[in-house]
Amino acid sequence: MSPEPGLLELVGLAYVVAGGVVVWRLRGRLGWAAGVGAFAAWPVFLPLLGGPSERPGPHATRIGEVFAALERTLADPAAEEVPWSADLGGLRTALSRADERIGLVDRLLADAGPTDTTPLRSAREAAAGELLAVLDEVVQLRLQIGLAALHGNAASVRERLSELLARAEAIDEVSGLHG
């Protein structure tokens, strides 16, 4: 007869199973590599699970790719002097929420039938265009981080991150009002 598992083994098993679930749920937002890397400290990442819903918008993949690349850049040891204490999670969350609302509008437009949807289509295109413009600027921010690593102009990166966060929050608010 084998001994019954002790409390420590059960707690360890529960930790591993819960970590696996968290990694599985985060894989779309952080990518597999970052998700697996987050496994050991999965409780720290629980707040991310309350972020964007399970119905991603049409640009969710691009948002994930852009932020995964930015996170890789910021994780590079050569970029350690760059102040990235700005709210990258807030920036990503605001863009994801706006994208989810764009997805909702897409679903509504698909079901609208013969109804005149011109104002909604126009608002949707404006929100999507601004979201994509901010994503393009996040890509440009990676280049600016490279310049800051070479020349030490870290203040410009901090200012740029703050500006992008404000724009993303504005998109989120406007898409919430019109979507």
Protein backbone atom coordinates (compact mmCIF):
# COMPACT_ATOMS: atom_id res chain seq x y z
CA MET A 1 0.00 0.00 0.00
CA SER A 2 1.35 3.43 -0.94
CA PRO A 3 1.21 6.27 1.54
CA GLU A 4 -1.40 8.97 1.01
CA PRO A 5 -0.06 12.19 -0.41
CA GLY A 6 0.70 14.76 2.23
CA LEU A 7 -0.64 18.24 2.42
CA LEU A 8 2.57 19.68 0.98
CA GLU A 9 2.32 17.50 -2.13
CA LEU A 10 -1.34 18.48 -2.64
CA VAL A 11 -0.55 22.17 -2.32
CA GLY A 12 2.34 21.77 -4.76
CA LEU A 13 0.12 19.96 -7.24
CA ALA A 14 -2.57 22.65 -6.92
CA TYR A 15 0.08 25.35 -7.52
CA VAL A 16 1.31 23.61 -10.68
CA VAL A 17 -2.21 23.04 -12.03
CA ALA A 18 -3.30 26.62 -11.30
CA GLY A 19 -0.08 27.90 -12.90
CA GLY A 20 -0.81 25.85 -16.00
CA VAL A 21 -4.29 27.33 -16.26
CA VAL A 22 -2.95 30.87 -15.86
CA VAL A 23 -0.27 30.27 -18.53
CA TRP A 24 -2.91 28.84 -20.87
CA ARG A 25 -5.15 31.89 -20.41
CA LEU A 26 -2.28 34.38 -20.78
CA ARG A 27 -0.73 32.81 -23.88
CA GLY A 28 -2.72 35.05 -26.24
CA ARG A 29 -1.75 38.24 -24.46
CA LEU A 30 1.86 37.52 -23.66
CA GLY A 31 2.75 34.87 -26.22
CA TRP A 32 3.80 31.33 -25.36
CA ALA A 33 7.38 32.16 -24.42
CA ALA A 34 6.41 34.87 -21.95
CA GLY A 35 3.49 32.79 -20.68
CA VAL A 36 5.72 29.82 -19.96
CA GLY A 37 8.28 32.15 -18.42
CA ALA A 38 5.53 33.47 -16.14
CA PHE A 39 4.73 29.97 -14.91
CA ALA A 40 6.91 30.05 -11.79
CA ALA A 41 5.47 33.37 -10.62
CA TRP A 42 1.95 32.96 -11.98
CA PRO A 43 0.20 34.60 -9.00
CA VAL A 44 1.81 37.91 -10.02
CA PHE A 45 0.05 37.68 -13.40
CA LEU A 46 -3.46 37.07 -12.02
CA PRO A 47 -4.50 40.73 -12.50
CA LEU A 48 -3.97 40.29 -16.24
CA LEU A 49 -6.72 37.71 -16.30
CA GLY A 50 -9.26 40.37 -15.37
CA GLY A 51 -8.25 42.49 -18.38
CA PRO A 52 -9.65 42.12 -21.86
CA SER A 53 -12.50 39.71 -22.38
CA GLU A 54 -12.52 36.36 -24.10
CA ARG A 55 -13.83 37.93 -27.33
CA PRO A 56 -10.79 39.60 -28.81
CA GLY A 57 -11.16 42.28 -31.42
CA PRO A 58 -9.97 42.15 -35.01
CA HIS A 59 -6.52 43.51 -34.12
CA ALA A 60 -5.83 41.32 -31.06
CA THR A 61 -3.11 39.32 -32.80
CA ARG A 62 -1.27 42.44 -33.93
CA ILE A 63 -1.57 43.98 -30.45
CA GLY A 64 -0.08 40.80 -28.98
CA GLU A 65 2.77 40.75 -31.50
CA VAL A 66 3.63 44.44 -31.07
CA PHE A 67 3.70 44.23 -27.28
CA ALA A 68 5.61 40.95 -27.24
CA ALA A 69 8.28 42.60 -29.40
CA LEU A 70 8.33 45.67 -27.14
CA GLU A 71 8.67 43.48 -24.05
CA ARG A 72 11.57 41.60 -25.67
CA THR A 73 13.25 44.91 -26.43
CA LEU A 74 12.80 46.17 -22.88
CA ALA A 75 14.05 42.87 -21.46
CA ASP A 76 17.32 43.19 -23.38
CA PRO A 77 20.17 43.94 -20.98
CA ALA A 78 21.35 46.77 -23.25
CA ALA A 79 18.05 48.55 -22.62
CA GLU A 80 18.22 48.38 -18.84
CA GLU A 81 18.91 52.12 -18.58
CA VAL A 82 15.64 52.90 -20.37
CA PRO A 83 12.91 53.85 -17.91
CA TRP A 84 9.92 51.77 -18.79
CA SER A 85 8.09 52.24 -15.55
CA ALA A 86 5.28 53.79 -17.58
CA ASP A 87 2.15 51.75 -17.59
CA LEU A 88 2.76 49.34 -20.49
CA GLY A 89 0.06 47.05 -19.13
CA GLY A 90 -2.36 49.97 -19.08
CA LEU A 91 -1.42 50.89 -22.64
CA ARG A 92 -1.99 47.35 -23.84
CA THR A 93 -5.23 47.01 -21.87
CA ALA A 94 -6.62 50.28 -23.25
CA LEU A 95 -5.81 49.20 -26.81
CA SER A 96 -7.28 45.74 -26.22
CA ARG A 97 -10.50 47.18 -24.79
CA ALA A 98 -10.87 49.54 -27.75
CA ASP A 99 -10.20 46.61 -30.08
CA GLU A 100 -12.83 44.51 -28.31
CA ARG A 101 -15.34 47.29 -28.85
CA ILE A 102 -14.39 47.43 -32.52
CA GLY A 103 -15.03 43.67 -32.62
CA LEU A 104 -18.44 44.20 -31.04
CA VAL A 105 -19.26 46.82 -33.68
CA ASP A 106 -18.11 44.41 -36.40
CA ARG A 107 -20.51 41.78 -35.05
CA LEU A 108 -23.34 44.33 -34.87
CA LEU A 109 -22.69 45.48 -38.41
CA ALA A 110 -22.68 41.90 -39.64
CA ASP A 111 -26.15 41.41 -38.14
CA ALA A 112 -27.58 44.82 -39.10
CA GLY A 113 -29.24 43.79 -42.33
CA PRO A 114 -30.66 46.61 -44.50
CA THR A 115 -30.42 49.24 -41.73
CA ASP A 116 -28.40 52.38 -42.49
CA THR A 117 -25.16 51.77 -40.58
CA THR A 118 -23.15 54.65 -42.04
CA PRO A 119 -22.60 56.55 -38.74
CA LEU A 120 -21.56 53.37 -36.93
CA ARG A 121 -19.26 52.29 -39.77
CA SER A 122 -17.69 55.74 -39.79
CA ALA A 123 -17.08 55.71 -36.02
CA ARG A 124 -15.70 52.17 -36.28
CA GLU A 125 -13.25 53.13 -39.02
CA ALA A 126 -12.08 56.18 -37.07
CA ALA A 127 -11.47 54.13 -33.91
CA ALA A 128 -9.72 51.35 -35.85
CA GLY A 129 -7.54 53.85 -37.69
CA GLU A 130 -6.46 55.52 -34.45
CA LEU A 131 -5.79 52.15 -32.81
CA LEU A 132 -3.59 51.08 -35.71
CA ALA A 133 -1.79 54.44 -35.65
CA VAL A 134 -0.96 53.98 -31.95
CA LEU A 135 0.28 50.45 -32.65
CA ASP A 136 2.55 51.82 -35.39
CA GLU A 137 3.89 54.34 -32.89
CA VAL A 138 4.57 51.57 -30.37
CA VAL A 139 6.68 49.92 -33.08
CA GLN A 140 8.51 53.25 -33.56
CA LEU A 141 8.98 53.42 -29.80
CA ARG A 142 11.14 50.30 -30.01
CA LEU A 143 13.49 52.20 -32.31
CA GLN A 144 13.49 55.13 -29.90
CA ILE A 145 14.48 52.73 -27.11
CA GLY A 146 17.45 51.71 -29.23
CA LEU A 147 18.45 55.34 -29.61
CA ALA A 148 18.04 55.90 -25.88
CA ALA A 149 20.27 52.90 -25.20
CA LEU A 150 22.95 54.41 -27.47
CA HIS A 151 22.66 58.07 -26.50
CA GLY A 152 21.13 57.97 -23.03
CA ASN A 153 18.10 60.13 -23.84
CA ALA A 154 15.79 58.13 -21.60
CA ALA A 155 13.48 61.06 -20.80
CA SER A 156 12.17 61.09 -24.37
CA VAL A 157 11.18 57.42 -24.07
CA ARG A 158 9.35 58.09 -20.81
CA GLU A 159 7.50 61.02 -22.40
CA ARG A 160 6.62 58.96 -25.48
CA LEU A 161 5.23 56.11 -23.37
CA SER A 162 3.08 58.55 -21.40
CA GLU A 163 1.80 60.14 -24.61
CA LEU A 164 0.92 56.77 -26.13
CA LEU A 165 -0.90 55.75 -22.96
CA ALA A 166 -2.97 58.95 -23.06
CA ARG A 167 -3.85 58.35 -26.71
CA ALA A 168 -4.79 54.73 -26.08
CA GLU A 169 -6.99 55.71 -23.13
CA ALA A 170 -8.67 58.34 -25.32
CA ILE A 171 -9.34 55.72 -28.01
CA ASP A 172 -10.78 53.42 -25.36
CA GLU A 173 -13.03 56.18 -24.01
CA VAL A 174 -14.20 57.37 -27.43
CA SER A 175 -14.83 53.85 -28.68
CA GLY A 176 -16.77 53.19 -25.48
CA LEU A 177 -18.97 56.21 -26.13
CA HIS A 178 -19.55 55.50 -29.82
CA GLY A 179 -19.31 51.71 -29.84
